[in-house]
Each structure stands twice: as C-alpha cells, then as structure tokens.
C-alpha cells in the first residue's frame, strides 16, 4: 500500500468520525432495555396514572399426560408458586379450531392437579392446555406444554 493510499484512508476515517459526531449529539444515549423479561406483562390501571406501569409475573404451570389404558388418557401437573385449592382451567382445541373450556379443576394443597380426558370419537387431533386466571399479584398464565392426542384408524 502506498503512502498516498494510507493517508487517504486516515483522512476518510477522520472525516467519518467527525460526521458521526455531528449526527449524534453528545447527550444521546441508547434506549433503556425493556423492564420485563418475557415472563411478565405490563399492567395498565387508571389508579396508577403518572406512575410507571407495574408488571405482574406469570405462574409456572407444568403439564404432562399419559395413556392409562387404550382409549383412556390422563393429564396432570403442578402450579407454582403455591396455588393451593384454587381453580385451574383445562382448555381443548379440536383440530385446527380455537381453544374452548373443557374442565374446571381445583388444585390440591400441594398445588397439583389431574384429570382424565376423553379422546375424540372421530379422526383428528385434540390439543389440551391448562391456564390460571389473573390475580392481583399474577398475570393470566398458561401451561408450559400442550398435550396432544391424535386419533387414527387401525
């Protein structure tokens, strides 16, 4: 590389730095990171006008399933933090439809739940999920897994 090329690059770099200094005022800062981590949702309330929106955490809901015997299924799981003797809603989606309420359960004193589910009589898939309603301390939460039952001929 020649001396002329080296000086040209240095001058170009100096010009670029100078232009960047003009385009970005010295008081500019990066935007603050969002305060939520994907597991919380902002809460809007008319009672909190002028105050930054509070955030509600989600509950953790486990969901597992098993076939008890051919044609009989059971789903079970646990809600945390402690959610003893409170309602849990099981929702079902048939095929490509939308989730609709299927059963309303009550958790045990150890925040566990379980129920049997009926397979469809016709062909297709059934998807189950579990959710808890919103409370003053927690946002509406959904199970971390969705249990699927597929029925087929033969």
Protein backbone atom coordinates (compact mmCIF):
# COMPACT_ATOMS: atom_id res chain seq x y z
CA UNK A 1 0.00 0.00 0.00
CA UNK A 2 1.39 3.39 -0.93
CA UNK A 3 1.74 6.41 1.29
CA UNK A 4 -0.99 8.18 -0.68
CA UNK A 5 -3.46 5.30 -0.07
CA UNK A 6 -2.63 5.20 3.65
CA UNK A 7 -3.17 8.96 4.03
CA UNK A 8 -6.43 8.71 2.07
CA UNK A 9 -7.75 6.04 4.41
CA UNK A 10 -6.72 8.00 7.50
CA UNK A 11 -8.39 11.16 6.19
CA UNK A 12 -11.52 9.19 5.33
CA UNK A 13 -11.65 7.68 8.81
CA UNK A 14 -11.21 11.11 10.43
CA UNK A 15 -13.97 12.55 8.28
CA UNK A 16 -16.28 9.66 9.17
CA UNK A 17 -15.67 10.14 12.89
CA UNK A 18 -16.28 13.89 12.58
CA UNK A 19 -19.54 13.35 10.71
CA UNK A 20 -20.71 10.79 13.25
CA UNK A 21 -20.04 13.32 16.00
CA UNK A 22 -22.25 15.85 14.19
CA UNK A 23 -25.05 13.40 13.51
CA UNK A 24 -25.23 12.01 17.05
CA UNK A 25 -25.41 14.68 19.75
CA UNK A 26 -23.19 14.04 22.76
CA UNK A 27 -26.22 13.76 25.08
CA UNK A 28 -27.80 10.91 23.12
CA UNK A 29 -27.94 7.57 24.89
CA UNK A 30 -29.19 4.14 23.96
CA UNK A 31 -32.82 3.37 24.67
CA UNK A 32 -33.30 1.63 28.01
CA UNK A 33 -33.87 -2.09 27.88
CA UNK A 34 -37.46 -3.19 28.47
CA UNK A 35 -38.17 -3.80 32.13
CA UNK A 36 -39.89 -7.11 31.52
CA UNK A 37 -38.20 -10.38 30.67
CA UNK A 38 -40.86 -12.08 28.55
CA UNK A 39 -42.32 -13.84 31.60
CA UNK A 40 -44.11 -10.72 32.84
CA UNK A 41 -46.71 -8.42 31.32
CA UNK A 42 -47.24 -4.72 31.97
CA UNK A 43 -50.40 -3.87 33.88
CA UNK A 44 -52.39 -0.83 32.83
CA UNK A 45 -54.51 0.73 35.54
CA UNK A 46 -56.23 4.07 35.86
CA UNK A 47 -55.23 4.06 39.54
CA UNK A 48 -51.55 4.21 38.54
CA UNK A 49 -51.69 7.33 36.38
CA UNK A 50 -48.33 9.08 36.28
CA UNK A 51 -46.50 6.06 37.67
CA UNK A 52 -44.61 3.57 35.54
CA UNK A 53 -46.82 0.59 34.77
CA UNK A 54 -46.35 -2.22 37.28
CA UNK A 55 -45.60 -5.67 36.00
CA UNK A 56 -47.15 -8.95 37.01
CA UNK A 57 -45.17 -12.19 36.86
CA UNK A 58 -46.54 -15.37 35.33
CA UNK A 59 -47.17 -18.59 37.25
CA UNK A 60 -45.32 -21.71 36.13
CA UNK A 61 -47.71 -24.48 35.16
CA UNK A 62 -46.40 -27.93 34.27
CA UNK A 63 -48.47 -30.26 32.11
CA UNK A 64 -47.87 -33.94 31.49
CA UNK A 65 -50.01 -36.70 30.07
CA UNK A 66 -50.15 -40.44 29.92
CA UNK A 67 -52.30 -43.16 28.42
CA UNK A 68 -53.82 -45.08 31.33
CA UNK A 69 -55.09 -47.84 29.06
CA UNK A 70 -56.02 -47.97 25.39
CA UNK A 71 -58.56 -45.20 24.83
CA UNK A 72 -58.12 -43.54 28.28
CA UNK A 73 -55.81 -40.61 28.91
CA UNK A 74 -54.84 -38.61 31.98
CA UNK A 75 -53.25 -35.16 32.22
CA UNK A 76 -51.64 -33.85 35.36
CA UNK A 77 -49.28 -31.16 36.55
CA UNK A 78 -48.42 -28.59 39.16
CA UNK A 79 -48.75 -24.82 39.54
CA UNK A 80 -46.05 -22.72 41.19
CA UNK A 81 -45.61 -20.62 43.20
CA UNK A 82 -48.06 -22.05 45.72
CA UNK A 83 -51.59 -22.19 44.31
CA UNK A 84 -53.36 -24.48 46.79
CA UNK A 85 -57.08 -25.22 46.46
CA UNK A 86 -57.56 -22.74 43.62
CA UNK A 87 -59.20 -23.16 40.19
CA UNK A 88 -57.28 -24.35 37.12
CA UNK A 89 -58.95 -24.35 33.70
CA UNK A 90 -58.31 -27.10 31.15
CA UNK A 91 -58.95 -25.93 27.60
CA UNK A 92 -59.31 -28.07 24.49
CA UNK A 93 -58.83 -27.34 20.81
CA UNK A 94 -60.32 -29.75 18.29
CA UNK A 95 -58.35 -29.99 15.05
CA UNK A 96 -57.47 -26.51 13.83
CA UNK A 97 -60.17 -24.71 15.86
CA UNK A 98 -59.81 -22.40 18.83
CA UNK A 99 -59.28 -23.27 22.49
CA UNK A 100 -62.54 -23.68 24.43
CA UNK A 101 -63.09 -24.51 28.12
CA UNK A 102 -63.11 -28.25 28.75
CA UNK A 103 -62.92 -28.77 32.53
CA UNK A 104 -62.51 -26.67 35.64
CA UNK A 105 -60.30 -28.31 38.25
CA UNK A 106 -59.21 -27.41 41.77
CA UNK A 107 -55.59 -27.84 42.82
CA UNK A 108 -54.60 -29.92 45.84
CA UNK A 109 -52.94 -28.49 48.95
CA UNK A 110 -49.60 -29.11 47.16
CA UNK A 111 -50.76 -27.10 44.10
CA UNK A 112 -51.15 -30.22 41.93
CA UNK A 113 -53.98 -31.08 39.58
CA UNK A 114 -55.02 -34.04 37.45
CA UNK A 115 -57.94 -35.30 35.42
CA UNK A 116 -58.86 -37.87 32.83
CA UNK A 117 -59.61 -36.65 29.33
CA UNK A 118 -61.81 -38.28 26.73
CA UNK A 119 -60.39 -38.91 23.28
CA UNK A 120 -62.42 -37.90 20.25
CA UNK A 121 -64.62 -40.47 18.60
CA UNK A 122 -63.72 -39.22 15.11
CA UNK A 123 -60.32 -38.86 13.47
CA UNK A 124 -58.00 -35.95 14.13
CA UNK A 125 -56.08 -34.34 16.92
CA UNK A 126 -57.10 -32.83 20.21
CA UNK A 127 -54.85 -30.30 21.95
CA UNK A 128 -55.13 -29.60 25.68
CA UNK A 129 -53.65 -26.72 27.65
CA UNK A 130 -54.03 -25.51 31.23
CA UNK A 131 -54.36 -21.94 32.44
CA UNK A 132 -54.89 -19.95 35.60
CA UNK A 133 -56.82 -16.72 35.77
CA UNK A 134 -55.31 -13.33 36.54
CA UNK A 135 -55.00 -12.41 40.21
CA UNK A 136 -53.93 -9.15 41.86
CA UNK A 137 -50.36 -10.49 42.11
CA UNK A 138 -50.02 -12.65 38.95
CA UNK A 139 -50.94 -12.36 35.28
CA UNK A 140 -53.08 -14.93 33.46
CA UNK A 141 -50.77 -17.90 32.94
CA UNK A 142 -50.72 -20.87 30.59
CA UNK A 143 -49.08 -24.27 30.93
CA UNK A 144 -45.56 -24.61 29.57
CA UNK A 145 -46.55 -27.61 27.42
CA UNK A 146 -49.57 -28.56 25.37
CA UNK A 147 -50.71 -32.17 25.42
CA UNK A 148 -51.84 -33.59 22.05
CA UNK A 149 -53.89 -36.73 21.41
CA UNK A 150 -54.13 -37.95 17.82
CA UNK A 151 -56.75 -40.48 16.84
CA UNK A 152 -56.44 -42.57 13.69
CA UNK A 153 -57.90 -45.70 12.15
CA UNK A 154 -56.49 -49.11 12.90
